[in-house]
C-alpha atoms as a PDB file:
ATOM      1  CA  MET A   1      -8.914  10.831  -1.308  1.00  0.00           C
ATOM      2  CA  THR A   2      -7.373  14.138  -2.173  1.00  0.00           C
ATOM      3  CA  THR A   3      -4.708  14.627   0.505  1.00  0.00           C
ATOM      4  CA  TYR A   4      -2.252  12.484   2.401  1.00  0.00           C
ATOM      5  CA  ALA A   5      -4.325  13.202   5.519  1.00  0.00           C
ATOM      6  CA  SER A   6      -7.339  11.627   3.795  1.00  0.00           C
ATOM      7  CA  VAL A   7      -5.218   8.608   2.793  1.00  0.00           C
ATOM      8  CA  ILE A   8      -4.162   8.159   6.416  1.00  0.00           C
ATOM      9  CA  LYS A   9      -7.728   8.554   7.660  1.00  0.00           C
ATOM     10  CA  ALA A  10      -9.052   5.984   5.156  1.00  0.00           C
ATOM     11  CA  LEU A  11      -6.221   3.624   6.030  1.00  0.00           C
ATOM     12  CA  GLU A  12      -6.926   3.888   9.762  1.00  0.00           C
ATOM     13  CA  LYS A  13     -10.654   3.405   9.144  1.00  0.00           C
ATOM     14  CA  SER A  14      -9.938   0.162   7.272  1.00  0.00           C
ATOM     15  CA  GLY A  15      -7.760  -1.342  10.005  1.00  0.00           C
ATOM     16  CA  ASN A  16      -4.470   0.065   8.659  1.00  0.00           C
ATOM     17  CA  VAL A  17      -4.417  -2.192   5.581  1.00  0.00           C
ATOM     18  CA  GLN A  18      -6.105  -1.055   2.384  1.00  0.00           C
ATOM     19  CA  SER A  19      -5.907  -1.344  -1.388  1.00  0.00           C
ATOM     20  CA  VAL A  20      -5.857   1.944  -3.299  1.00  0.00           C
ATOM     21  CA  SER A  21      -5.568   2.810  -6.953  1.00  0.00           C
ATOM     22  CA  MET A  22      -2.505   4.501  -8.315  1.00  0.00           C
ATOM     23  CA  LYS A  23      -4.890   7.079  -9.781  1.00  0.00           C
ATOM     24  CA  SER A  24      -5.926   8.027  -6.237  1.00  0.00           C
ATOM     25  CA  LEU A  25      -2.302   8.392  -5.171  1.00  0.00           C
ATOM     26  CA  ARG A  26      -1.544  10.437  -8.293  1.00  0.00           C
ATOM     27  CA  VAL A  27      -4.404  12.802  -7.438  1.00  0.00           C
ATOM     28  CA  VAL A  28      -3.180  13.090  -3.840  1.00  0.00           C
ATOM     29  CA  GLU A  29       0.249  14.067  -5.139  1.00  0.00           C
ATOM     30  CA  GLY A  30      -1.406  16.607  -7.455  1.00  0.00           C
ATOM     31  CA  LYS A  31       0.216  15.328 -10.639  1.00  0.00           C
ATOM     32  CA  LYS A  32      -1.119  14.411 -14.074  1.00  0.00           C
ATOM     33  CA  ARG A  33       1.274  11.530 -14.748  1.00  0.00           C
ATOM     34  CA  LEU A  34       2.861   8.740 -12.744  1.00  0.00           C
ATOM     35  CA  GLY A  35       6.448   9.145 -13.848  1.00  0.00           C
ATOM     36  CA  SER A  36       9.290   7.658 -11.833  1.00  0.00           C
ATOM     37  CA  ASP A  37       9.887  10.891  -9.888  1.00  0.00           C
ATOM     38  CA  VAL A  38       6.210  11.171  -8.937  1.00  0.00           C
ATOM     39  CA  ARG A  39       6.077   7.548  -7.813  1.00  0.00           C
ATOM     40  CA  ARG A  40       9.243   8.034  -5.754  1.00  0.00           C
ATOM     41  CA  LYS A  41       7.732  11.155  -4.124  1.00  0.00           C
ATOM     42  CA  ILE A  42       4.537   9.255  -3.310  1.00  0.00           C
ATOM     43  CA  SER A  43       6.521   6.403  -1.798  1.00  0.00           C
ATOM     44  CA  ASP A  44       8.711   8.779   0.223  1.00  0.00           C
ATOM     45  CA  LYS A  45       5.729  10.762   1.500  1.00  0.00           C
ATOM     46  CA  LEU A  46       3.892   7.604   2.550  1.00  0.00           C
ATOM     47  CA  ALA A  47       7.032   6.415   4.339  1.00  0.00           C
ATOM     48  CA  GLU A  48       7.131   9.690   6.297  1.00  0.00           C
ATOM     49  CA  TYR A  49       3.773   8.657   7.763  1.00  0.00           C
ATOM     50  CA  GLY A  50       4.916   5.102   8.497  1.00  0.00           C
ATOM     51  CA  ILE A  51       2.991   3.702   5.535  1.00  0.00           C
ATOM     52  CA  ALA A  52       4.486   1.011   3.338  1.00  0.00           C
ATOM     53  CA  HIS A  53       3.121  -0.423   0.103  1.00  0.00           C
ATOM     54  CA  LEU A  54       3.087  -3.535  -2.026  1.00  0.00           C
ATOM     55  CA  PRO A  55       4.448  -3.914  -4.529  1.00  0.00           C
ATOM     56  CA  THR A  56       7.477  -2.142  -3.123  1.00  0.00           C
ATOM     57  CA  GLU A  57       7.988  -0.376  -6.456  1.00  0.00           C
ATOM     58  CA  LEU A  58       4.842   1.568  -7.251  1.00  0.00           C
ATOM     59  CA  PRO A  59       3.461   0.748 -10.720  1.00  0.00           C
ATOM     60  CA  ASP A  60       3.295   3.414 -13.407  1.00  0.00           C
ATOM     61  CA  GLY A  61      -0.270   2.753 -14.541  1.00  0.00           C
ATOM     62  CA  GLN A  62      -3.050   4.697 -12.864  1.00  0.00           C
ATOM     63  CA  ASP A  63      -5.368   1.694 -13.213  1.00  0.00           C
ATOM     64  CA  HIS A  64      -3.092  -0.446 -11.058  1.00  0.00           C
ATOM     65  CA  TRP A  65      -3.866  -1.049  -7.396  1.00  0.00           C
ATOM     66  CA  VAL A  66      -1.447  -1.218  -4.492  1.00  0.00           C
ATOM     67  CA  LEU A  67      -1.747  -2.408  -0.925  1.00  0.00           C
ATOM     68  CA  LEU A  68      -1.013   0.263   1.676  1.00  0.00           C
ATOM     69  CA  TYR A  69      -0.363  -0.622   5.296  1.00  0.00           C
ATOM     70  CA  LYS A  70       0.855   1.038   8.475  1.00  0.00           C
ATOM     71  CA  ARG A  71       4.132  -0.645   9.339  1.00  0.00           C
ATOM     72  CA  ASP A  72       3.556  -0.508  13.097  1.00  0.00           C
ATOM     73  CA  SER A  73      -0.034  -1.810  13.017  1.00  0.00           C
ATOM     74  CA  PRO A  74      -0.854  -5.463  13.794  1.00  0.00           C
ATOM     75  CA  GLY A  75      -1.584  -6.073  10.105  1.00  0.00           C
ATOM     76  CA  GLY A  76       1.613  -4.297   9.111  1.00  0.00           C
ATOM     77  CA  VAL A  77       3.673  -6.428  11.466  1.00  0.00           C
ATOM     78  CA  ILE A  78       2.168  -9.576   9.924  1.00  0.00           C
ATOM     79  CA  ILE A  79       2.859  -8.305   6.405  1.00  0.00           C
ATOM     80  CA  GLU A  80       6.444  -7.308   7.226  1.00  0.00           C
ATOM     81  CA  THR A  81       7.079 -10.669   8.887  1.00  0.00           C
ATOM     82  CA  PHE A  82       5.577 -12.513   5.942  1.00  0.00           C
ATOM     83  CA  LEU A  83       7.717 -10.573   3.481  1.00  0.00           C
ATOM     84  CA  ARG A  84      10.911 -11.182   5.453  1.00  0.00           C
ATOM     85  CA  THR A  85      10.266 -14.902   5.606  1.00  0.00           C
ATOM     86  CA  SER A  86       9.239 -15.072   1.956  1.00  0.00           C
ATOM     87  CA  GLU A  87      12.005 -13.111   0.256  1.00  0.00           C
ATOM     88  CA  ASP A  88      12.274 -15.710  -2.498  1.00  0.00           C
ATOM     89  CA  GLU A  89       8.564 -15.399  -3.293  1.00  0.00           C
ATOM     90  CA  ASP A  90       7.395 -13.167  -6.078  1.00  0.00           C
ATOM     91  CA  GLN A  91       5.804 -10.051  -4.546  1.00  0.00           C
ATOM     92  CA  ILE A  92       2.652 -10.475  -6.579  1.00  0.00           C
ATOM     93  CA  LYS A  93       2.157 -13.906  -5.042  1.00  0.00           C
ATOM     94  CA  ALA A  94       2.807 -12.348  -1.626  1.00  0.00           C
ATOM     95  CA  VAL A  95       0.085  -9.744  -2.208  1.00  0.00           C
ATOM     96  CA  GLN A  96      -2.357 -12.424  -3.333  1.00  0.00           C
ATOM     97  CA  THR A  97      -1.621 -14.484  -0.246  1.00  0.00           C
ATOM     98  CA  LEU A  98      -2.066 -11.457   2.007  1.00  0.00           C
ATOM     99  CA  ARG A  99      -5.431 -10.737   0.417  1.00  0.00           C
ATOM    100  CA  LYS A 100      -6.505 -14.312   1.167  1.00  0.00           C
ATOM    101  CA  ILE A 101      -5.339 -13.936   4.768  1.00  0.00           C
ATOM    102  CA  ARG A 102      -7.249 -10.671   5.105  1.00  0.00           C
ATOM    103  CA  ALA A 103     -10.401 -12.284   3.712  1.00  0.00           C
ATOM    104  CA  LEU A 104     -10.107 -15.110   6.252  1.00  0.00           C
ATOM    105  CA  ILE A 105      -9.605 -12.646   9.103  1.00  0.00           C
ATOM    106  CA  GLU A 106     -12.600 -10.572   8.021  1.00  0.00           C
ATOM    107  CA  ARG A 107     -14.818 -13.675   7.967  1.00  0.00           C
ATOM    108  CA  ALA A 108     -13.801 -14.675  11.488  1.00  0.00           C
END
């Protein structure tokens, strides 16, 4: 992935829910470091395309992975609903649970 268009294409190809590395997002943004301004720009740009991410605050390490999802997709609706009903849950636990749900869906 080298452009936001390629991120969107990969996301759509994977059913609108996909894990990506922060390194990939850094490259897409064309930056060498993942400072707070760069992470905010990435988050804002993704939001322009209707893409949300977990954790909601992008991590600063390029070796970290995040879950991207289209908010208006079936998977995105499930994720958003889950997050609203689980506000007291730690987001990391929420991501782990969502990964388990995705694995179950893929096996079906």
